[in-house]
C-alpha atoms as a PDB file:
ATOM      1  CA  MET A   1     -49.057 -26.027 -24.821  1.00  0.00           C
ATOM      2  CA  THR A   2     -51.049 -25.852 -21.592  1.00  0.00           C
ATOM      3  CA  ALA A   3     -49.864 -24.496 -18.242  1.00  0.00           C
ATOM      4  CA  LEU A   4     -49.385 -27.503 -15.933  1.00  0.00           C
ATOM      5  CA  MET A   5     -47.908 -25.772 -12.888  1.00  0.00           C
ATOM      6  CA  LYS A   6     -48.267 -22.336 -11.342  1.00  0.00           C
ATOM      7  CA  VAL A   7     -45.502 -21.017  -9.114  1.00  0.00           C
ATOM      8  CA  ILE A   8     -46.799 -19.699  -5.788  1.00  0.00           C
ATOM      9  CA  ASP A   9     -43.356 -19.314  -4.173  1.00  0.00           C
ATOM     10  CA  PRO A  10     -40.198 -19.777  -6.267  1.00  0.00           C
ATOM     11  CA  GLY A  11     -37.897 -21.014  -3.498  1.00  0.00           C
ATOM     12  CA  LEU A  12     -34.217 -20.041  -3.371  1.00  0.00           C
ATOM     13  CA  HIS A  13     -33.207 -20.707  -6.979  1.00  0.00           C
ATOM     14  CA  THR A  14     -35.452 -22.852  -9.166  1.00  0.00           C
ATOM     15  CA  THR A  15     -34.662 -23.100 -12.873  1.00  0.00           C
ATOM     16  CA  ILE A  16     -35.787 -25.072 -15.906  1.00  0.00           C
ATOM     17  CA  GLN A  17     -33.030 -27.328 -17.244  1.00  0.00           C
ATOM     18  CA  ASP A  18     -32.752 -29.891 -20.021  1.00  0.00           C
ATOM     19  CA  LEU A  19     -29.514 -31.578 -21.159  1.00  0.00           C
ATOM     20  CA  GLY A  20     -28.096 -28.232 -22.227  1.00  0.00           C
ATOM     21  CA  ARG A  21     -27.390 -25.819 -25.070  1.00  0.00           C
ATOM     22  CA  HIS A  22     -24.537 -27.438 -26.958  1.00  0.00           C
ATOM     23  CA  GLY A  23     -22.570 -26.230 -29.969  1.00  0.00           C
ATOM     24  CA  TYR A  24     -22.320 -22.547 -29.104  1.00  0.00           C
ATOM     25  CA  GLN A  25     -19.247 -22.286 -26.871  1.00  0.00           C
ATOM     26  CA  GLU A  26     -17.201 -20.807 -29.726  1.00  0.00           C
ATOM     27  CA  PHE A  27     -19.627 -17.874 -29.565  1.00  0.00           C
ATOM     28  CA  GLY A  28     -19.228 -17.507 -25.804  1.00  0.00           C
ATOM     29  CA  ILE A  29     -22.499 -19.235 -24.876  1.00  0.00           C
ATOM     30  CA  GLY A  30     -22.138 -22.039 -22.335  1.00  0.00           C
ATOM     31  CA  PRO A  31     -24.300 -25.184 -22.308  1.00  0.00           C
ATOM     32  CA  SER A  32     -25.927 -24.822 -18.849  1.00  0.00           C
ATOM     33  CA  GLY A  33     -28.014 -27.976 -18.198  1.00  0.00           C
ATOM     34  CA  PRO A  34     -28.382 -29.936 -14.938  1.00  0.00           C
ATOM     35  CA  MET A  35     -25.823 -29.690 -12.159  1.00  0.00           C
ATOM     36  CA  ASP A  36     -26.533 -33.330 -11.241  1.00  0.00           C
ATOM     37  CA  PRO A  37     -26.941 -35.167 -14.580  1.00  0.00           C
ATOM     38  CA  TRP A  38     -27.633 -38.535 -12.903  1.00  0.00           C
ATOM     39  CA  ALA A  39     -30.579 -37.344 -10.783  1.00  0.00           C
ATOM     40  CA  PHE A  40     -31.848 -35.365 -13.797  1.00  0.00           C
ATOM     41  CA  LYS A  41     -31.946 -38.431 -16.070  1.00  0.00           C
ATOM     42  CA  LEU A  42     -33.574 -40.624 -13.432  1.00  0.00           C
ATOM     43  CA  ALA A  43     -36.288 -38.040 -12.769  1.00  0.00           C
ATOM     44  CA  ASN A  44     -37.218 -38.151 -16.446  1.00  0.00           C
ATOM     45  CA  LEU A  45     -37.144 -41.937 -16.666  1.00  0.00           C
ATOM     46  CA  LEU A  46     -39.404 -42.305 -13.621  1.00  0.00           C
ATOM     47  CA  ALA A  47     -41.909 -39.852 -15.137  1.00  0.00           C
ATOM     48  CA  GLY A  48     -41.977 -41.916 -18.326  1.00  0.00           C
ATOM     49  CA  ASN A  49     -40.078 -39.315 -20.364  1.00  0.00           C
ATOM     50  CA  ASN A  50     -37.106 -39.418 -22.658  1.00  0.00           C
ATOM     51  CA  ARG A  51     -34.099 -38.744 -20.474  1.00  0.00           C
ATOM     52  CA  GLU A  52     -33.342 -35.326 -22.073  1.00  0.00           C
ATOM     53  CA  GLU A  53     -36.690 -33.600 -21.323  1.00  0.00           C
ATOM     54  CA  ALA A  54     -36.720 -30.323 -19.385  1.00  0.00           C
ATOM     55  CA  VAL A  55     -37.326 -30.483 -15.623  1.00  0.00           C
ATOM     56  CA  LEU A  56     -37.182 -28.136 -12.635  1.00  0.00           C
ATOM     57  CA  GLU A  57     -33.828 -27.974 -10.857  1.00  0.00           C
ATOM     58  CA  ILE A  58     -34.490 -26.932  -7.251  1.00  0.00           C
ATOM     59  CA  THR A  59     -31.668 -25.555  -5.088  1.00  0.00           C
ATOM     60  CA  MET A  60     -31.651 -26.017  -1.290  1.00  0.00           C
ATOM     61  CA  VAL A  61     -34.958 -24.265  -0.554  1.00  0.00           C
ATOM     62  CA  GLY A  62     -37.799 -25.618  -2.677  1.00  0.00           C
ATOM     63  CA  PRO A  63     -40.662 -23.777  -4.352  1.00  0.00           C
ATOM     64  CA  THR A  64     -44.401 -24.074  -3.805  1.00  0.00           C
ATOM     65  CA  VAL A  65     -46.278 -25.005  -6.980  1.00  0.00           C
ATOM     66  CA  SER A  66     -49.935 -25.659  -7.744  1.00  0.00           C
ATOM     67  CA  PHE A  67     -50.883 -28.184 -10.430  1.00  0.00           C
ATOM     68  CA  MET A  68     -53.258 -26.829 -13.042  1.00  0.00           C
ATOM     69  CA  GLU A  69     -53.954 -30.202 -14.693  1.00  0.00           C
ATOM     70  CA  ASN A  70     -53.727 -33.852 -13.701  1.00  0.00           C
ATOM     71  CA  THR A  71     -50.209 -35.142 -14.330  1.00  0.00           C
ATOM     72  CA  VAL A  72     -47.478 -37.477 -13.074  1.00  0.00           C
ATOM     73  CA  ILE A  73     -44.364 -36.154 -11.372  1.00  0.00           C
ATOM     74  CA  SER A  74     -41.163 -37.608 -10.001  1.00  0.00           C
ATOM     75  CA  LEU A  75     -38.677 -36.167  -7.530  1.00  0.00           C
ATOM     76  CA  THR A  76     -35.033 -37.223  -7.408  1.00  0.00           C
ATOM     77  CA  GLY A  77     -31.822 -35.811  -6.005  1.00  0.00           C
ATOM     78  CA  ALA A  78     -31.700 -33.972  -2.687  1.00  0.00           C
ATOM     79  CA  ASN A  79     -34.439 -34.733  -0.179  1.00  0.00           C
ATOM     80  CA  LEU A  80     -35.962 -31.331   0.580  1.00  0.00           C
ATOM     81  CA  SER A  81     -38.907 -32.779   2.534  1.00  0.00           C
ATOM     82  CA  PRO A  82     -41.571 -32.545  -0.201  1.00  0.00           C
ATOM     83  CA  THR A  83     -45.287 -32.728   0.591  1.00  0.00           C
ATOM     84  CA  ILE A  84     -48.448 -32.687  -1.523  1.00  0.00           C
ATOM     85  CA  ASP A  85     -51.415 -31.093   0.253  1.00  0.00           C
ATOM     86  CA  GLY A  86     -49.521 -31.527   3.508  1.00  0.00           C
ATOM     87  CA  LYS A  87     -48.818 -35.254   3.057  1.00  0.00           C
ATOM     88  CA  LYS A  88     -45.251 -36.539   2.840  1.00  0.00           C
ATOM     89  CA  VAL A  89     -44.051 -37.468  -0.638  1.00  0.00           C
ATOM     90  CA  MET A  90     -41.477 -40.187  -1.220  1.00  0.00           C
ATOM     91  CA  MET A  91     -38.406 -39.487  -3.340  1.00  0.00           C
ATOM     92  CA  TRP A  92     -37.267 -41.560  -6.330  1.00  0.00           C
ATOM     93  CA  GLN A  93     -40.722 -42.607  -7.507  1.00  0.00           C
ATOM     94  CA  SER A  94     -43.473 -41.441  -9.881  1.00  0.00           C
ATOM     95  CA  ILE A  95     -46.580 -39.885  -8.335  1.00  0.00           C
ATOM     96  CA  TYR A  96     -49.986 -39.206  -9.886  1.00  0.00           C
ATOM     97  CA  VAL A  97     -51.159 -35.694  -8.935  1.00  0.00           C
ATOM     98  CA  LYS A  98     -54.533 -34.068  -9.481  1.00  0.00           C
ATOM     99  CA  LYS A  99     -55.470 -30.621 -10.686  1.00  0.00           C
ATOM    100  CA  GLY A 100     -55.504 -28.187  -7.768  1.00  0.00           C
ATOM    101  CA  GLN A 101     -53.065 -30.104  -5.573  1.00  0.00           C
ATOM    102  CA  GLU A 102     -50.129 -28.196  -4.122  1.00  0.00           C
ATOM    103  CA  LEU A 103     -46.506 -29.308  -3.841  1.00  0.00           C
ATOM    104  CA  ARG A 104     -44.384 -27.749  -1.103  1.00  0.00           C
ATOM    105  CA  PHE A 105     -40.886 -28.341   0.259  1.00  0.00           C
ATOM    106  CA  GLY A 106     -39.646 -28.140   3.821  1.00  0.00           C
ATOM    107  CA  LYS A 107     -36.403 -28.698   5.695  1.00  0.00           C
ATOM    108  CA  PRO A 108     -33.489 -30.024   3.608  1.00  0.00           C
ATOM    109  CA  LYS A 109     -32.447 -33.486   4.830  1.00  0.00           C
ATOM    110  CA  HIS A 110     -29.479 -34.222   2.587  1.00  0.00           C
ATOM    111  CA  GLY A 111     -28.069 -32.937  -0.672  1.00  0.00           C
ATOM    112  CA  ALA A 112     -28.304 -29.532  -2.346  1.00  0.00           C
ATOM    113  CA  ARG A 113     -30.382 -30.008  -5.519  1.00  0.00           C
ATOM    114  CA  SER A 114     -33.646 -31.762  -6.241  1.00  0.00           C
ATOM    115  CA  TYR A 115     -35.153 -32.511  -9.672  1.00  0.00           C
ATOM    116  CA  LEU A 116     -38.870 -32.343 -10.448  1.00  0.00           C
ATOM    117  CA  ALA A 117     -39.957 -33.983 -13.715  1.00  0.00           C
ATOM    118  CA  ILE A 118     -43.498 -33.925 -15.121  1.00  0.00           C
ATOM    119  CA  ALA A 119     -44.950 -36.447 -17.569  1.00  0.00           C
ATOM    120  CA  GLY A 120     -44.242 -35.242 -21.105  1.00  0.00           C
ATOM    121  CA  GLY A 121     -41.563 -32.798 -19.975  1.00  0.00           C
ATOM    122  CA  ILE A 122     -41.653 -29.030 -19.477  1.00  0.00           C
ATOM    123  CA  GLN A 123     -42.447 -27.326 -22.786  1.00  0.00           C
ATOM    124  CA  THR A 124     -41.093 -23.782 -22.655  1.00  0.00           C
ATOM    125  CA  ASP A 125     -39.718 -22.334 -25.900  1.00  0.00           C
ATOM    126  CA  LYS A 126     -36.344 -23.610 -27.062  1.00  0.00           C
ATOM    127  CA  ILE A 127     -33.620 -20.986 -27.408  1.00  0.00           C
ATOM    128  CA  LEU A 128     -30.671 -22.136 -29.527  1.00  0.00           C
ATOM    129  CA  GLY A 129     -31.965 -25.677 -29.325  1.00  0.00           C
ATOM    130  CA  SER A 130     -32.446 -25.875 -25.565  1.00  0.00           C
ATOM    131  CA  ARG A 131     -34.919 -24.962 -22.816  1.00  0.00           C
ATOM    132  CA  SER A 132     -32.150 -24.693 -20.195  1.00  0.00           C
ATOM    133  CA  THR A 133     -32.094 -21.491 -18.166  1.00  0.00           C
ATOM    134  CA  ASN A 134     -28.872 -19.493 -18.227  1.00  0.00           C
ATOM    135  CA  VAL A 135     -29.572 -16.577 -15.900  1.00  0.00           C
ATOM    136  CA  ARG A 136     -26.335 -14.704 -16.679  1.00  0.00           C
ATOM    137  CA  ALA A 137     -27.003 -14.852 -20.426  1.00  0.00           C
ATOM    138  CA  VAL A 138     -30.788 -14.371 -19.985  1.00  0.00           C
ATOM    139  CA  LEU A 139     -31.528 -17.456 -22.085  1.00  0.00           C
ATOM    140  CA  GLY A 140     -34.083 -20.259 -21.860  1.00  0.00           C
ATOM    141  CA  GLY A 141     -36.538 -21.127 -19.108  1.00  0.00           C
ATOM    142  CA  VAL A 142     -39.187 -18.468 -18.489  1.00  0.00           C
ATOM    143  CA  ASP A 143     -37.835 -15.125 -19.761  1.00  0.00           C
ATOM    144  CA  GLY A 144     -34.260 -16.321 -19.162  1.00  0.00           C
ATOM    145  CA  GLU A 145     -34.673 -16.115 -15.375  1.00  0.00           C
ATOM    146  CA  ALA A 146     -35.032 -18.357 -12.363  1.00  0.00           C
ATOM    147  CA  LEU A 147     -38.716 -18.954 -11.671  1.00  0.00           C
ATOM    148  CA  ASN A 148     -40.691 -16.163 -10.035  1.00  0.00           C
ATOM    149  CA  SER A 149     -44.015 -16.108  -8.212  1.00  0.00           C
ATOM    150  CA  ARG A 150     -47.006 -16.399 -10.561  1.00  0.00           C
ATOM    151  CA  ASP A 151     -44.931 -17.914 -13.381  1.00  0.00           C
ATOM    152  CA  GLU A 152     -46.780 -20.660 -15.220  1.00  0.00           C
ATOM    153  CA  VAL A 153     -44.865 -23.721 -16.430  1.00  0.00           C
ATOM    154  CA  PRO A 154     -46.191 -25.256 -19.667  1.00  0.00           C
ATOM    155  CA  GLY A 155     -46.374 -28.946 -20.489  1.00  0.00           C
ATOM    156  CA  ILE A 156     -48.347 -31.621 -22.279  1.00  0.00           C
ATOM    157  CA  VAL A 157     -51.778 -32.715 -21.043  1.00  0.00           C
ATOM    158  CA  LEU A 158     -51.901 -36.509 -21.203  1.00  0.00           C
ATOM    159  CA  LYS A 159     -54.953 -38.747 -20.886  1.00  0.00           C
ATOM    160  CA  ASP A 160     -55.634 -40.053 -17.393  1.00  0.00           C
ATOM    161  CA  SER A 161     -55.344 -43.630 -18.673  1.00  0.00           C
ATOM    162  CA  ILE A 162     -51.738 -42.903 -19.705  1.00  0.00           C
ATOM    163  CA  LEU A 163     -50.917 -41.017 -16.523  1.00  0.00           C
ATOM    164  CA  LYS A 164     -52.131 -43.798 -14.240  1.00  0.00           C
ATOM    165  CA  LYS A 165     -49.866 -46.280 -16.027  1.00  0.00           C
ATOM    166  CA  ARG A 166     -46.891 -43.980 -15.396  1.00  0.00           C
ATOM    167  CA  GLY A 167     -47.632 -43.447 -11.705  1.00  0.00           C
ATOM    168  CA  GLY A 168     -46.511 -45.702  -8.871  1.00  0.00           C
ATOM    169  CA  LYS A 169     -43.063 -46.595 -10.229  1.00  0.00           C
ATOM    170  CA  HIS A 170     -40.045 -46.420  -7.971  1.00  0.00           C
ATOM    171  CA  LEU A 171     -36.302 -46.805  -8.196  1.00  0.00           C
ATOM    172  CA  SER A 172     -34.464 -49.583  -6.391  1.00  0.00           C
ATOM    173  CA  HIS A 173     -32.543 -48.392  -3.329  1.00  0.00           C
ATOM    174  CA  SER A 174     -29.360 -49.831  -4.845  1.00  0.00           C
ATOM    175  CA  LEU A 175     -29.585 -47.314  -7.724  1.00  0.00           C
ATOM    176  CA  ARG A 176     -30.389 -44.227  -5.668  1.00  0.00           C
ATOM    177  CA  ALA A 177     -27.666 -41.718  -4.929  1.00  0.00           C
ATOM    178  CA  TYR A 178     -26.838 -40.973  -1.300  1.00  0.00           C
ATOM    179  CA  TYR A 179     -25.528 -37.516  -0.544  1.00  0.00           C
ATOM    180  CA  ARG A 180     -22.886 -37.412   2.149  1.00  0.00           C
ATOM    181  CA  PRO A 181     -21.307 -34.296   3.676  1.00  0.00           C
ATOM    182  CA  HIS A 182     -17.892 -35.412   2.409  1.00  0.00           C
ATOM    183  CA  GLN A 183     -17.210 -36.647  -1.112  1.00  0.00           C
ATOM    184  CA  ILE A 184     -14.196 -38.170  -2.846  1.00  0.00           C
ATOM    185  CA  VAL A 185     -14.134 -37.361  -6.572  1.00  0.00           C
ATOM    186  CA  ARG A 186     -11.826 -38.572  -9.325  1.00  0.00           C
ATOM    187  CA  VAL A 187      -9.719 -36.127 -11.323  1.00  0.00           C
ATOM    188  CA  ILE A 188      -7.814 -36.445 -14.595  1.00  0.00           C
ATOM    189  CA  PRO A 189      -4.632 -34.336 -14.215  1.00  0.00           C
ATOM    190  CA  ASP A 190      -4.249 -31.496 -16.704  1.00  0.00           C
ATOM    191  CA  GLU A 191      -1.022 -30.753 -18.560  1.00  0.00           C
ATOM    192  CA  GLN A 192      -1.196 -27.317 -16.896  1.00  0.00           C
ATOM    193  CA  ALA A 193      -0.586 -29.027 -13.543  1.00  0.00           C
ATOM    194  CA  GLU A 194       3.079 -28.384 -14.331  1.00  0.00           C
ATOM    195  CA  PHE A 195       2.449 -24.706 -13.537  1.00  0.00           C
ATOM    196  CA  PHE A 196       2.345 -25.714  -9.843  1.00  0.00           C
ATOM    197  CA  THR A 197       5.152 -26.797  -7.559  1.00  0.00           C
ATOM    198  CA  GLN A 198       5.554 -30.518  -6.974  1.00  0.00           C
ATOM    199  CA  ASP A 199       4.594 -30.051  -3.316  1.00  0.00           C
ATOM    200  CA  SER A 200       1.381 -28.248  -4.303  1.00  0.00           C
ATOM    201  CA  GLN A 201       0.474 -30.954  -6.825  1.00  0.00           C
ATOM    202  CA  GLU A 202       0.802 -33.509  -4.016  1.00  0.00           C
ATOM    203  CA  ASP A 203      -1.082 -31.272  -1.556  1.00  0.00           C
ATOM    204  CA  PHE A 204      -3.984 -31.051  -3.993  1.00  0.00           C
ATOM    205  CA  TYR A 205      -4.595 -34.811  -3.740  1.00  0.00           C
ATOM    206  CA  ASN A 206      -3.669 -35.196  -0.060  1.00  0.00           C
ATOM    207  CA  GLN A 207      -5.808 -32.561   1.635  1.00  0.00           C
ATOM    208  CA  THR A 208      -9.488 -31.962   2.327  1.00  0.00           C
ATOM    209  CA  PHE A 209     -11.066 -28.818   0.889  1.00  0.00           C
ATOM    210  CA  LYS A 210     -14.150 -27.035   2.222  1.00  0.00           C
ATOM    211  CA  ILE A 211     -16.950 -25.764  -0.051  1.00  0.00           C
ATOM    212  CA  THR A 212     -17.297 -22.025   0.536  1.00  0.00           C
ATOM    213  CA  ALA A 213     -20.460 -19.913   0.493  1.00  0.00           C
ATOM    214  CA  GLN A 214     -19.210 -18.366  -2.782  1.00  0.00           C
ATOM    215  CA  SER A 215     -20.424 -21.398  -4.734  1.00  0.00           C
ATOM    216  CA  ASP A 216     -23.200 -21.568  -7.317  1.00  0.00           C
ATOM    217  CA  ARG A 217     -24.123 -22.950 -10.738  1.00  0.00           C
ATOM    218  CA  MET A 218     -21.111 -21.187 -12.260  1.00  0.00           C
ATOM    219  CA  GLY A 219     -18.436 -22.521  -9.931  1.00  0.00           C
ATOM    220  CA  TYR A 220     -17.584 -23.970  -6.519  1.00  0.00           C
ATOM    221  CA  ARG A 221     -14.873 -22.087  -4.626  1.00  0.00           C
ATOM    222  CA  LEU A 222     -12.790 -24.204  -2.271  1.00  0.00           C
ATOM    223  CA  GLU A 223     -11.031 -23.376   0.978  1.00  0.00           C
ATOM    224  CA  GLY A 224      -7.826 -25.168   1.969  1.00  0.00           C
ATOM    225  CA  LYS A 225      -4.058 -24.914   1.829  1.00  0.00           C
ATOM    226  CA  GLY A 226      -3.288 -22.655  -1.146  1.00  0.00           C
ATOM    227  CA  LEU A 227      -1.550 -24.126  -4.178  1.00  0.00           C
ATOM    228  CA  GLU A 228       1.721 -22.443  -5.166  1.00  0.00           C
ATOM    229  CA  ARG A 229       2.864 -21.821  -8.712  1.00  0.00           C
ATOM    230  CA  LYS A 230       6.374 -22.250 -10.037  1.00  0.00           C
ATOM    231  CA  LYS A 231       6.149 -18.806 -11.659  1.00  0.00           C
ATOM    232  CA  ASP A 232       3.867 -15.782 -11.764  1.00  0.00           C
ATOM    233  CA  GLY A 233       1.645 -14.781 -14.664  1.00  0.00           C
ATOM    234  CA  GLU A 234      -1.438 -16.203 -16.327  1.00  0.00           C
ATOM    235  CA  ILE A 235      -1.876 -18.451 -19.331  1.00  0.00           C
ATOM    236  CA  LEU A 236      -3.500 -17.587 -22.625  1.00  0.00           C
ATOM    237  CA  SER A 237      -7.233 -18.152 -22.251  1.00  0.00           C
ATOM    238  CA  ASP A 238      -8.257 -21.609 -23.410  1.00  0.00           C
ATOM    239  CA  ALA A 239     -11.320 -23.842 -23.283  1.00  0.00           C
ATOM    240  CA  VAL A 240     -12.779 -25.077 -20.015  1.00  0.00           C
ATOM    241  CA  ALA A 241     -15.229 -27.895 -19.270  1.00  0.00           C
ATOM    242  CA  PHE A 242     -17.813 -28.896 -16.672  1.00  0.00           C
ATOM    243  CA  GLY A 243     -15.548 -30.075 -13.854  1.00  0.00           C
ATOM    244  CA  SER A 244     -12.405 -28.145 -14.821  1.00  0.00           C
ATOM    245  CA  ILE A 245     -10.490 -27.061 -11.704  1.00  0.00           C
ATOM    246  CA  GLN A 246      -8.931 -23.631 -12.144  1.00  0.00           C
ATOM    247  CA  VAL A 247      -6.514 -22.094  -9.656  1.00  0.00           C
ATOM    248  CA  PRO A 248      -6.368 -18.257  -9.509  1.00  0.00           C
ATOM    249  CA  ARG A 249      -3.414 -16.318  -8.113  1.00  0.00           C
ATOM    250  CA  GLY A 250      -4.508 -16.762  -4.496  1.00  0.00           C
ATOM    251  CA  GLY A 251      -4.085 -20.551  -4.780  1.00  0.00           C
ATOM    252  CA  ALA A 252      -7.681 -21.528  -3.862  1.00  0.00           C
ATOM    253  CA  PRO A 253      -9.138 -23.912  -6.492  1.00  0.00           C
ATOM    254  CA  ILE A 254     -12.445 -23.249  -8.272  1.00  0.00           C
ATOM    255  CA  ILE A 255     -14.472 -26.129  -9.744  1.00  0.00           C
ATOM    256  CA  LEU A 256     -16.264 -24.915 -12.867  1.00  0.00           C
ATOM    257  CA  MET A 257     -19.874 -26.055 -13.003  1.00  0.00           C
ATOM    258  CA  ALA A 258     -22.851 -26.074 -15.398  1.00  0.00           C
ATOM    259  CA  ASP A 259     -23.057 -22.275 -15.961  1.00  0.00           C
ATOM    260  CA  ARG A 260     -19.287 -21.825 -16.311  1.00  0.00           C
ATOM    261  CA  GLN A 261     -17.706 -19.379 -18.731  1.00  0.00           C
ATOM    262  CA  THR A 262     -16.489 -20.895 -22.013  1.00  0.00           C
ATOM    263  CA  THR A 263     -12.787 -20.018 -21.656  1.00  0.00           C
ATOM    264  CA  GLY A 264     -10.472 -19.194 -18.794  1.00  0.00           C
ATOM    265  CA  GLY A 265      -7.039 -17.693 -18.171  1.00  0.00           C
ATOM    266  CA  TYR A 266      -6.185 -19.449 -14.916  1.00  0.00           C
ATOM    267  CA  PRO A 267      -4.152 -22.681 -15.079  1.00  0.00           C
ATOM    268  CA  LYS A 268      -6.116 -25.896 -14.571  1.00  0.00           C
ATOM    269  CA  ILE A 269      -4.707 -28.540 -12.281  1.00  0.00           C
ATOM    270  CA  GLY A 270      -7.194 -31.174 -13.475  1.00  0.00           C
ATOM    271  CA  THR A 271     -10.756 -32.014 -14.475  1.00  0.00           C
ATOM    272  CA  ILE A 272     -13.324 -34.033 -12.493  1.00  0.00           C
ATOM    273  CA  ILE A 273     -14.648 -36.970 -14.484  1.00  0.00           C
ATOM    274  CA  SER A 274     -18.244 -36.603 -15.708  1.00  0.00           C
ATOM    275  CA  HIS A 275     -19.437 -39.610 -13.710  1.00  0.00           C
ATOM    276  CA  ASP A 276     -18.512 -37.886 -10.411  1.00  0.00           C
ATOM    277  CA  LEU A 277     -19.953 -34.428 -11.087  1.00  0.00           C
ATOM    278  CA  TRP A 278     -23.169 -35.238  -9.201  1.00  0.00           C
ATOM    279  CA  ARG A 279     -21.109 -35.691  -6.044  1.00  0.00           C
ATOM    280  CA  VAL A 280     -19.898 -32.091  -6.297  1.00  0.00           C
ATOM    281  CA  ALA A 281     -23.289 -30.659  -7.295  1.00  0.00           C
ATOM    282  CA  GLN A 282     -24.942 -32.095  -4.175  1.00  0.00           C
ATOM    283  CA  LEU A 283     -22.450 -30.621  -1.685  1.00  0.00           C
ATOM    284  CA  LEU A 284     -23.537 -27.695   0.482  1.00  0.00           C
ATOM    285  CA  PRO A 285     -21.376 -24.791   1.708  1.00  0.00           C
ATOM    286  CA  GLY A 286     -19.305 -25.949   4.669  1.00  0.00           C
ATOM    287  CA  GLN A 287     -19.166 -29.557   3.465  1.00  0.00           C
ATOM    288  CA  THR A 288     -15.925 -31.084   2.221  1.00  0.00           C
ATOM    289  CA  ILE A 289     -14.279 -32.736  -0.762  1.00  0.00           C
ATOM    290  CA  THR A 290     -11.057 -34.588  -1.538  1.00  0.00           C
ATOM    291  CA  PHE A 291      -9.592 -35.457  -4.928  1.00  0.00           C
ATOM    292  CA  GLU A 292      -8.267 -38.733  -6.239  1.00  0.00           C
ATOM    293  CA  LYS A 293      -6.133 -39.052  -9.365  1.00  0.00           C
ATOM    294  CA  THR A 294      -7.535 -41.211 -12.181  1.00  0.00           C
ATOM    295  CA  THR A 295      -7.185 -41.810 -15.929  1.00  0.00           C
ATOM    296  CA  LEU A 296      -9.129 -41.001 -19.083  1.00  0.00           C
ATOM    297  CA  GLU A 297      -9.666 -44.738 -19.624  1.00  0.00           C
ATOM    298  CA  GLU A 298     -11.330 -45.075 -16.220  1.00  0.00           C
ATOM    299  CA  ALA A 299     -13.539 -42.066 -16.969  1.00  0.00           C
ATOM    300  CA  HIS A 300     -14.665 -43.694 -20.221  1.00  0.00           C
ATOM    301  CA  ARG A 301     -15.450 -46.974 -18.438  1.00  0.00           C
ATOM    302  CA  CYS A 302     -17.594 -45.116 -15.887  1.00  0.00           C
ATOM    303  CA  LEU A 303     -19.541 -43.280 -18.594  1.00  0.00           C
ATOM    304  CA  GLU A 304     -20.161 -46.500 -20.502  1.00  0.00           C
ATOM    305  CA  ALA A 305     -21.402 -48.269 -17.369  1.00  0.00           C
ATOM    306  CA  GLU A 306     -23.702 -45.327 -16.543  1.00  0.00           C
ATOM    307  CA  ALA A 307     -25.164 -45.323 -20.073  1.00  0.00           C
ATOM    308  CA  ASN A 308     -25.828 -49.070 -19.850  1.00  0.00           C
ATOM    309  CA  VAL A 309     -27.646 -48.672 -16.518  1.00  0.00           C
ATOM    310  CA  CYS A 310     -29.836 -45.916 -18.012  1.00  0.00           C
ATOM    311  CA  LYS A 311     -30.776 -48.132 -20.979  1.00  0.00           C
ATOM    312  CA  VAL A 312     -31.716 -51.046 -18.726  1.00  0.00           C
ATOM    313  CA  LEU A 313     -33.769 -48.769 -16.447  1.00  0.00           C
ATOM    314  CA  GLU A 314     -35.548 -47.184 -19.393  1.00  0.00           C
ATOM    315  CA  MET A 315     -36.611 -50.605 -20.707  1.00  0.00           C
ATOM    316  CA  ALA A 316     -37.599 -51.873 -17.255  1.00  0.00           C
ATOM    317  CA  ILE A 317     -39.766 -48.827 -16.478  1.00  0.00           C
ATOM    318  CA  LYS A 318     -41.534 -48.971 -19.845  1.00  0.00           C
ATOM    319  CA  GLN A 319     -42.351 -52.658 -19.317  1.00  0.00           C
ATOM    320  CA  ARG A 320     -43.988 -52.164 -15.901  1.00  0.00           C
END
């Protein structure tokens, strides 16, 4: 593989992510993968890739990268004021870039995480079947770490005739996500909700929580009226998922995210449906969230609808 990008400044926390490292949770290794799966998939589709290819996930403060070969990129997710050689770059479209050009990011406008896809996908080594970076486990990406200055990101060099066909595509405004400072997300109640008093179960769905500064790819800590348990003590550790909402002794919920642990000993009041996880991932500290009760059947309907939209988009982009 050939180096396609060189990192001049890594930004706050920029990692390589594909769809994740699945099948190893029984060994204590979490999947990782994108925090915002919807923006991740759309970035790949716009760049002409299969939707599971590795991309850069950029958190709040973007990196500066120099392109070492001609390629096509796309940027989705949070608008972090990207520019190429000082000229404003539009989000949610594919852009032909030339060798030597420089991509920078400026002031965040909305959202927390942006996704940068390159034509052909990022081609770092796969570790346990995935290129996703898990910093805590030192797996994937470049040396198992967030990107550092002078890191080189490998990819596939495509012919200019192919690249120019992939450039200039954009996503309809009706399909773009809009990141608001307050989000309502749907939750499937957990059987462990019975660990909490009836009043606290009702409070969970009737109050607004604030995202605290102690929030990252592992979990989002929430601030609000504490949830009370019927009795003291912890549960036997059991499996957790992306979107599980644990409640430690203090009563402040924690939403488990992409780099979560594989098991947990705090009771879970519910789990956010997969379709709504992007809403959480794009919230910044100080912004707010409320929860709405839903069903497994509704979660399945949302996933099916999302998959159908992706298939239609994939066909439409390839035909342009």
